[in-house]
C-alpha atoms as a PDB file:
ATOM      1  CA  MET A   1      -9.299  -2.221 -35.171  1.00  0.00           C
ATOM      2  CA  ALA A   2      -5.830  -1.310 -37.431  1.00  0.00           C
ATOM      3  CA  GLN A   3      -4.550  -3.969 -38.546  1.00  0.00           C
ATOM      4  CA  ASP A   4      -1.853  -6.538 -37.622  1.00  0.00           C
ATOM      5  CA  GLN A   5       1.850  -5.507 -38.839  1.00  0.00           C
ATOM      6  CA  LYS A   6       4.226  -7.298 -40.138  1.00  0.00           C
ATOM      7  CA  HIS A   7       7.656  -6.917 -37.828  1.00  0.00           C
ATOM      8  CA  PRO A   8      10.611  -7.248 -41.110  1.00  0.00           C
ATOM      9  CA  GLN A   9      13.034  -8.945 -37.918  1.00  0.00           C
ATOM     10  CA  GLU A  10       9.495 -11.965 -37.107  1.00  0.00           C
ATOM     11  CA  LYS A  11      11.286 -14.827 -38.925  1.00  0.00           C
ATOM     12  CA  SER A  12      15.112 -14.359 -37.790  1.00  0.00           C
ATOM     13  CA  ASP A  13      13.220 -13.594 -34.373  1.00  0.00           C
ATOM     14  CA  ARG A  14      11.031 -16.272 -34.608  1.00  0.00           C
ATOM     15  CA  VAL A  15      14.039 -18.909 -34.494  1.00  0.00           C
ATOM     16  CA  ILE A  16      16.164 -17.310 -31.479  1.00  0.00           C
ATOM     17  CA  VAL A  17      12.267 -17.830 -29.456  1.00  0.00           C
ATOM     18  CA  ASN A  18      12.004 -21.340 -31.067  1.00  0.00           C
ATOM     19  CA  GLU A  19      15.716 -21.844 -29.334  1.00  0.00           C
ATOM     20  CA  LEU A  20      14.813 -19.881 -25.792  1.00  0.00           C
ATOM     21  CA  LEU A  21      11.782 -21.552 -25.717  1.00  0.00           C
ATOM     22  CA  VAL A  22      14.063 -24.961 -24.931  1.00  0.00           C
ATOM     23  CA  ALA A  23      16.962 -23.375 -23.346  1.00  0.00           C
ATOM     24  CA  ASP A  24      17.838 -22.402 -20.055  1.00  0.00           C
ATOM     25  CA  PRO A  25      18.337 -19.238 -18.618  1.00  0.00           C
ATOM     26  CA  THR A  26      21.385 -18.245 -18.578  1.00  0.00           C
ATOM     27  CA  ASP A  27      23.282 -14.555 -18.901  1.00  0.00           C
ATOM     28  CA  TYR A  28      23.092 -14.807 -22.997  1.00  0.00           C
ATOM     29  CA  ASN A  29      19.250 -16.029 -23.310  1.00  0.00           C
ATOM     30  CA  LEU A  30      18.220 -13.331 -20.376  1.00  0.00           C
ATOM     31  CA  ALA A  31      19.526 -10.926 -22.375  1.00  0.00           C
ATOM     32  CA  GLU A  32      17.741 -12.350 -25.722  1.00  0.00           C
ATOM     33  CA  LEU A  33      14.578 -12.516 -24.366  1.00  0.00           C
ATOM     34  CA  ALA A  34      15.160  -8.726 -22.289  1.00  0.00           C
ATOM     35  CA  ARG A  35      15.959  -7.521 -26.670  1.00  0.00           C
ATOM     36  CA  LEU A  36      12.516  -9.001 -27.599  1.00  0.00           C
ATOM     37  CA  ARG A  37      10.599  -8.225 -24.656  1.00  0.00           C
ATOM     38  CA  ILE A  38      11.586  -4.663 -25.959  1.00  0.00           C
ATOM     39  CA  ARG A  39      11.394  -5.089 -29.535  1.00  0.00           C
ATOM     40  CA  TYR A  40       7.709  -6.441 -29.301  1.00  0.00           C
ATOM     41  CA  GLY A  41       6.510  -5.158 -26.461  1.00  0.00           C
ATOM     42  CA  ASN A  42       3.888  -2.093 -28.352  1.00  0.00           C
ATOM     43  CA  PHE A  43       3.985  -3.991 -31.729  1.00  0.00           C
ATOM     44  CA  PRO A  44       0.799  -3.785 -33.245  1.00  0.00           C
ATOM     45  CA  GLY A  45       1.012  -7.850 -34.293  1.00  0.00           C
ATOM     46  CA  ALA A  46       3.113 -11.139 -33.805  1.00  0.00           C
ATOM     47  CA  ARG A  47       1.006 -11.863 -31.796  1.00  0.00           C
ATOM     48  CA  GLN A  48       2.157 -15.816 -31.430  1.00  0.00           C
ATOM     49  CA  LEU A  49       6.307 -14.815 -31.327  1.00  0.00           C
ATOM     50  CA  THR A  50       4.446 -12.404 -28.327  1.00  0.00           C
ATOM     51  CA  GLN A  51       2.382 -15.502 -26.247  1.00  0.00           C
ATOM     52  CA  ASP A  52       5.945 -17.135 -26.758  1.00  0.00           C
ATOM     53  CA  LEU A  53       7.685 -15.011 -25.302  1.00  0.00           C
ATOM     54  CA  ASP A  54       5.232 -15.033 -22.652  1.00  0.00           C
ATOM     55  CA  LEU A  55       4.996 -18.557 -21.995  1.00  0.00           C
ATOM     56  CA  ILE A  56       9.433 -18.508 -21.884  1.00  0.00           C
ATOM     57  CA  LEU A  57       8.894 -16.255 -19.275  1.00  0.00           C
ATOM     58  CA  GLU A  58       6.940 -18.558 -17.235  1.00  0.00           C
ATOM     59  CA  GLN A  59       8.816 -21.372 -17.610  1.00  0.00           C
ATOM     60  CA  TRP A  60      11.307 -19.578 -15.980  1.00  0.00           C
ATOM     61  CA  GLU A  61       9.813 -18.444 -13.208  1.00  0.00           C
ATOM     62  CA  LEU A  62       9.940 -14.824 -14.092  1.00  0.00           C
ATOM     63  CA  THR A  63       8.297 -11.921 -14.333  1.00  0.00           C
ATOM     64  CA  GLU A  64       8.962  -9.069 -16.965  1.00  0.00           C
ATOM     65  CA  ALA A  65      10.238  -6.524 -13.943  1.00  0.00           C
ATOM     66  CA  GLU A  66      12.130  -9.457 -12.495  1.00  0.00           C
ATOM     67  CA  LEU A  67      13.895 -10.052 -16.240  1.00  0.00           C
ATOM     68  CA  PHE A  68      14.690  -6.737 -16.519  1.00  0.00           C
ATOM     69  CA  GLU A  69      16.091  -6.147 -13.383  1.00  0.00           C
ATOM     70  CA  LYS A  70      18.366  -9.246 -14.338  1.00  0.00           C
ATOM     71  CA  THR A  71      19.486  -8.142 -17.475  1.00  0.00           C
ATOM     72  CA  ARG A  72      20.152  -4.666 -16.354  1.00  0.00           C
ATOM     73  CA  GLN A  73      22.350  -6.155 -13.277  1.00  0.00           C
ATOM     74  CA  LEU A  74      24.423  -8.445 -16.354  1.00  0.00           C
ATOM     75  CA  HIS A  75      24.938  -5.275 -18.987  1.00  0.00           C
ATOM     76  CA  GLN A  76      26.189  -3.966 -15.538  1.00  0.00           C
ATOM     77  CA  LYS A  77      29.134  -6.202 -14.785  1.00  0.00           C
ATOM     78  CA  GLY A  78      30.288  -6.148 -17.989  1.00  0.00           C
ATOM     79  CA  LYS A  79      29.324  -7.216 -22.220  1.00  0.00           C
ATOM     80  CA  VAL A  80      26.597  -9.728 -22.445  1.00  0.00           C
ATOM     81  CA  TYR A  81      27.154  -9.488 -26.811  1.00  0.00           C
ATOM     82  CA  LYS A  82      30.738  -9.783 -27.080  1.00  0.00           C
ATOM     83  CA  LYS A  83      31.482  -7.842 -30.357  1.00  0.00           C
ATOM     84  CA  SER A  84      33.875 -10.267 -33.166  1.00  0.00           C
ATOM     85  CA  SER A  85      37.298  -8.886 -33.777  1.00  0.00           C
ATOM     86  CA  GLY A  86      37.014  -6.161 -36.612  1.00  0.00           C
ATOM     87  CA  GLU A  87      33.357  -5.836 -35.836  1.00  0.00           C
ATOM     88  CA  GLY A  88      33.006  -1.722 -35.207  1.00  0.00           C
ATOM     89  CA  GLY A  89      29.271  -0.815 -36.243  1.00  0.00           C
ATOM     90  CA  GLN A  90      26.381  -0.190 -33.799  1.00  0.00           C
ATOM     91  CA  ASP A  91      23.838  -2.845 -33.605  1.00  0.00           C
ATOM     92  CA  TRP A  92      20.349  -1.527 -34.510  1.00  0.00           C
ATOM     93  CA  SER A  93      18.642  -4.402 -34.192  1.00  0.00           C
END
């Protein structure tokens, strides 16, 4: 069995997950949860973080498919993530 890996963004993502655990499912929070579900979906590690992402889905009474459908609709309507003025680079997070 392969050894679990440590994700380079896990520490900063943990802060976001902790905030989501006590937050309401706003458009922004739904987008953040979906983004993190994608990032850690097949990652071989970050087990506690992944379990907490599952818990957030449960608290918000959503399946992963429902979450992704909602966030697809949000992104079709417009930008969920607003860029700051002067920010022109790509977001590879």
